[in-house]
Amino acid sequence: KGEGITTSENAEAGEEEEAEEETPALTIPERMALTPWKKPIKPVYRTKSTFRPEELAKMKKDEMRIKRKILFDVDDTVLCSGGAHFAGCDRRYPHKTPYPGFFQFVKELHLGDCMGHMAALSARPGALEIDLAGKFRKIKEEHPALHAHPSLLLGEIGSGYTFVSNQGAPEGYRALAKTKLRRVREYIQIYPEYRFVFMGDNGQGDYWVAKEMCKEFRMF
């Protein structure tokens, strides 16, 4: 009243404010359509990036690749056992000799990724982890095709003892296979977004483990 505005005028102003509030906000394309310019203006969104164009292109290409983890047995798969009693039965190469072309094959499966997406699935118990890690360290020094150190998925003393005490009987192989399959399940829970490739031989339960993997997991 002090400003000389009547009550009816205040009511009309309030209705106009409410009407303005009810009007939905226009999107950018709708605003552009209402603008009386001859040519529509395309909005430009600028983002600062420290990556070079070739690096961004490589990152985009890597995202489209299949994420893949490679699991492999050690004895008679990576290294020839030389016919050692418990390690394996292959005598084509001297003991602990890497099979020709294996590391290059694994490198090709990485699709050019420099990261080490591989794990050695061994029946050796965890107490022998230092020995196996030392083997791969020496192999990497002698064979440049091994571009990264693999993770180690090791066995258990209990299953190892069962295998040794049964002197190669089926019960011993089943004990090793069950331990390996348990390690694979644990590993998959860490990387559920990956697909997996498993390589092994026909000893120490690898064949049974491979069949169970394909039955239980679709990513193999």
Protein backbone atom coordinates (compact mmCIF):
# COMPACT_ATOMS: atom_id res chain seq x y z
CA LYS A 1 0.00 0.00 0.00
CA GLY A 2 2.89 2.33 0.68
CA GLU A 3 3.96 2.06 -2.96
CA GLY A 4 0.42 2.78 -4.22
CA ILE A 5 -0.24 -0.74 -5.55
CA THR A 6 -3.71 -2.07 -4.99
CA THR A 7 -4.56 -5.58 -3.81
CA SER A 8 -5.90 -6.60 -7.23
CA GLU A 9 -2.65 -5.48 -8.83
CA ASN A 10 -0.68 -7.55 -6.30
CA ALA A 11 -2.82 -10.60 -7.10
CA GLU A 12 -2.26 -10.19 -10.84
CA ALA A 13 1.50 -9.87 -10.31
CA GLY A 14 1.49 -13.01 -8.17
CA GLU A 15 -0.36 -14.94 -10.88
CA GLU A 16 2.20 -13.81 -13.47
CA GLU A 17 5.05 -14.99 -11.21
CA GLU A 18 3.38 -18.37 -10.73
CA ALA A 19 2.86 -18.68 -14.48
CA GLU A 20 6.53 -17.93 -15.08
CA GLU A 21 7.57 -20.59 -12.56
CA GLU A 22 5.37 -23.24 -14.20
CA THR A 23 6.99 -22.68 -17.62
CA PRO A 24 9.51 -25.53 -18.18
CA ALA A 25 13.09 -24.62 -18.96
CA LEU A 26 14.04 -24.86 -22.62
CA THR A 27 16.80 -27.17 -23.73
CA ILE A 28 19.73 -25.92 -25.81
CA PRO A 29 18.29 -27.24 -29.13
CA GLU A 30 14.91 -25.60 -28.35
CA ARG A 31 16.57 -22.29 -27.61
CA MET A 32 18.53 -22.53 -30.85
CA ALA A 33 15.32 -23.21 -32.80
CA LEU A 34 13.72 -20.06 -31.38
CA THR A 35 16.74 -17.90 -32.10
CA PRO A 36 16.24 -15.84 -35.34
CA TRP A 37 19.73 -16.62 -36.70
CA LYS A 38 20.13 -17.71 -40.29
CA LYS A 39 22.45 -20.59 -39.41
CA PRO A 40 22.15 -22.65 -36.24
CA ILE A 41 25.06 -22.33 -33.90
CA LYS A 42 26.55 -25.62 -32.76
CA PRO A 43 27.62 -25.47 -29.11
CA VAL A 44 31.31 -26.20 -28.56
CA TYR A 45 32.35 -27.94 -25.38
CA ARG A 46 36.00 -27.53 -24.56
CA THR A 47 37.78 -29.90 -22.22
CA LYS A 48 41.35 -29.54 -21.12
CA SER A 49 43.45 -32.68 -21.56
CA THR A 50 47.12 -33.40 -20.99
CA PHE A 51 47.07 -36.35 -23.43
CA ARG A 52 48.29 -36.03 -26.98
CA PRO A 53 45.88 -36.97 -29.82
CA GLU A 54 47.75 -40.19 -30.59
CA GLU A 55 47.58 -41.18 -26.92
CA LEU A 56 43.83 -40.55 -26.81
CA ALA A 57 43.40 -42.63 -29.97
CA LYS A 58 45.34 -45.50 -28.42
CA MET A 59 43.28 -45.30 -25.22
CA LYS A 60 40.05 -45.47 -27.20
CA LYS A 61 41.36 -48.44 -29.16
CA ASP A 62 42.38 -50.23 -25.96
CA GLU A 63 38.89 -49.75 -24.50
CA MET A 64 37.37 -51.63 -27.43
CA ARG A 65 39.67 -54.59 -26.96
CA ILE A 66 38.57 -57.66 -25.09
CA LYS A 67 39.95 -57.66 -21.57
CA ARG A 68 41.72 -60.96 -21.21
CA LYS A 69 43.60 -62.82 -18.49
CA ILE A 70 45.87 -65.74 -19.36
CA LEU A 71 46.21 -68.62 -16.91
CA PHE A 72 48.73 -71.39 -17.50
CA ASP A 73 50.24 -74.40 -15.82
CA VAL A 74 54.01 -74.44 -15.30
CA ASP A 75 55.46 -77.96 -15.56
CA ASP A 76 55.17 -79.46 -19.07
CA THR A 77 53.35 -76.31 -20.20
CA VAL A 78 55.82 -73.46 -19.74
CA LEU A 79 58.88 -75.45 -18.67
CA CYS A 80 59.68 -78.97 -19.76
CA SER A 81 59.92 -81.29 -16.78
CA GLY A 82 62.49 -83.50 -18.45
CA GLY A 83 60.62 -86.55 -17.18
CA ALA A 84 60.93 -85.68 -13.50
CA HIS A 85 58.82 -88.05 -11.41
CA PHE A 86 56.36 -85.58 -9.85
CA ALA A 87 56.74 -82.58 -12.16
CA GLY A 88 55.80 -84.29 -15.42
CA CYS A 89 56.70 -86.86 -18.04
CA ASP A 90 57.88 -84.92 -21.11
CA ARG A 91 61.50 -85.76 -22.01
CA ARG A 92 61.74 -83.98 -25.35
CA TYR A 93 63.76 -81.11 -23.83
CA PRO A 94 66.15 -80.85 -20.89
CA HIS A 95 64.76 -80.16 -17.43
CA LYS A 96 63.42 -76.60 -16.89
CA THR A 97 63.75 -75.68 -20.58
CA PRO A 98 61.04 -73.22 -21.73
CA TYR A 99 59.01 -74.49 -24.66
CA PRO A 100 59.89 -72.63 -27.89
CA GLY A 101 57.35 -69.98 -28.82
CA PHE A 102 55.32 -70.14 -25.60
CA PHE A 103 56.15 -66.66 -24.32
CA GLN A 104 55.64 -65.11 -27.73
CA PHE A 105 52.25 -66.81 -27.93
CA VAL A 106 51.27 -65.39 -24.53
CA LYS A 107 52.47 -61.96 -25.62
CA GLU A 108 50.26 -62.12 -28.71
CA LEU A 109 47.28 -63.02 -26.55
CA HIS A 110 47.85 -59.75 -24.69
CA LEU A 111 46.96 -57.89 -27.93
CA GLY A 112 49.87 -55.51 -27.50
CA ASP A 113 49.06 -54.60 -23.89
CA CYS A 114 52.27 -54.06 -21.95
CA MET A 115 50.63 -55.01 -18.65
CA GLY A 116 51.10 -58.50 -17.24
CA HIS A 117 47.59 -60.00 -17.50
CA MET A 118 48.77 -63.54 -16.77
CA ALA A 119 48.95 -65.92 -13.83
CA ALA A 120 50.85 -69.15 -13.31
CA LEU A 121 48.55 -71.85 -11.93
CA SER A 122 50.82 -74.31 -10.17
CA ALA A 123 50.31 -77.31 -7.91
CA ARG A 124 53.30 -76.23 -5.82
CA PRO A 125 52.37 -75.24 -2.26
CA GLY A 126 52.75 -71.65 -1.10
CA ALA A 127 55.96 -72.51 0.76
CA LEU A 128 57.71 -72.83 -2.63
CA GLU A 129 56.56 -69.43 -3.89
CA ILE A 130 60.07 -67.92 -3.65
CA ASP A 131 61.50 -70.75 -5.75
CA LEU A 132 58.90 -70.31 -8.52
CA ALA A 133 59.19 -66.53 -8.51
CA GLY A 134 62.96 -66.89 -8.88
CA LYS A 135 62.46 -69.16 -11.89
CA PHE A 136 60.33 -66.63 -13.72
CA ARG A 137 62.72 -63.84 -12.80
CA LYS A 138 65.56 -65.79 -14.41
CA ILE A 139 63.43 -66.69 -17.43
CA LYS A 140 62.56 -63.03 -18.01
CA GLU A 141 66.24 -62.14 -18.04
CA GLU A 142 67.04 -64.85 -20.58
CA HIS A 143 63.91 -64.61 -22.74
CA PRO A 144 62.82 -61.06 -23.71
CA ALA A 145 59.54 -62.41 -25.09
CA LEU A 146 58.34 -62.76 -21.50
CA HIS A 147 57.37 -59.09 -21.19
CA ALA A 148 56.10 -59.19 -17.58
CA HIS A 149 56.18 -61.31 -14.45
CA PRO A 150 53.09 -63.50 -13.99
CA SER A 151 51.08 -63.64 -10.81
CA LEU A 152 51.38 -66.90 -8.89
CA LEU A 153 48.35 -69.04 -8.02
CA LEU A 154 49.86 -71.78 -5.88
CA GLY A 155 48.60 -75.02 -4.40
CA GLU A 156 48.41 -76.34 -0.87
CA ILE A 157 50.58 -78.62 1.24
CA GLY A 158 47.63 -80.95 1.89
CA SER A 159 46.84 -81.64 -1.77
CA GLY A 160 50.55 -81.91 -2.54
CA TYR A 161 51.00 -84.51 0.16
CA THR A 162 47.99 -86.46 -1.14
CA PHE A 163 49.48 -86.46 -4.63
CA VAL A 164 52.92 -87.62 -3.49
CA SER A 165 51.61 -90.28 -1.10
CA ASN A 166 49.38 -91.79 -3.81
CA GLN A 167 52.35 -92.16 -6.19
CA GLY A 168 50.49 -90.81 -9.23
CA ALA A 169 47.15 -92.51 -8.52
CA PRO A 170 43.92 -90.81 -9.64
CA GLU A 171 43.17 -89.69 -6.07
CA GLY A 172 46.32 -87.60 -6.04
CA TYR A 173 45.54 -85.92 -9.35
CA ARG A 174 42.00 -85.12 -8.21
CA ALA A 175 43.38 -83.45 -5.08
CA LEU A 176 45.64 -81.22 -7.18
CA ALA A 177 42.82 -80.43 -9.61
CA LYS A 178 40.40 -79.38 -6.87
CA THR A 179 42.99 -77.02 -5.38
CA LYS A 180 43.72 -75.47 -8.79
CA LEU A 181 40.02 -74.98 -9.48
CA ARG A 182 39.59 -73.31 -6.10
CA ARG A 183 42.40 -70.89 -6.93
CA VAL A 184 40.76 -70.09 -10.27
CA ARG A 185 37.45 -69.28 -8.55
CA GLU A 186 39.23 -66.90 -6.18
CA TYR A 187 41.06 -65.23 -9.06
CA ILE A 188 37.89 -64.71 -11.11
CA GLN A 189 36.21 -62.93 -8.20
CA ILE A 190 38.95 -60.29 -8.40
CA TYR A 191 38.56 -59.74 -12.17
CA PRO A 192 34.90 -60.44 -13.05
CA GLU A 193 35.03 -58.08 -16.05
CA TYR A 194 37.72 -60.12 -17.84
CA ARG A 195 37.62 -63.13 -20.11
CA PHE A 196 40.09 -65.95 -19.47
CA VAL A 197 42.32 -68.28 -21.43
CA PHE A 198 43.73 -71.39 -19.74
CA MET A 199 46.65 -73.45 -21.03
CA GLY A 200 47.82 -76.69 -19.48
CA ASP A 201 48.95 -80.23 -20.21
CA ASN A 202 47.35 -83.63 -19.63
CA GLY A 203 48.92 -84.15 -16.20
CA GLN A 204 48.31 -83.00 -12.61
CA GLY A 205 44.59 -82.60 -13.25
CA ASP A 206 44.84 -79.80 -15.83
CA TYR A 207 42.45 -81.51 -18.24
CA TRP A 208 39.81 -81.95 -15.52
CA VAL A 209 40.31 -78.35 -14.35
CA ALA A 210 39.83 -77.05 -17.91
CA LYS A 211 36.56 -78.96 -18.34
CA GLU A 212 35.22 -77.70 -15.02
CA MET A 213 36.18 -74.13 -15.91
CA CYS A 214 34.22 -74.28 -19.16
CA LYS A 215 31.20 -75.76 -17.38
CA GLU A 216 31.17 -73.31 -14.49
CA PHE A 217 32.30 -70.07 -16.12
CA ARG A 218 31.18 -68.58 -19.42
CA MET A 219 34.16 -66.27 -19.65
CA PHE A 220 36.59 -69.12 -20.47
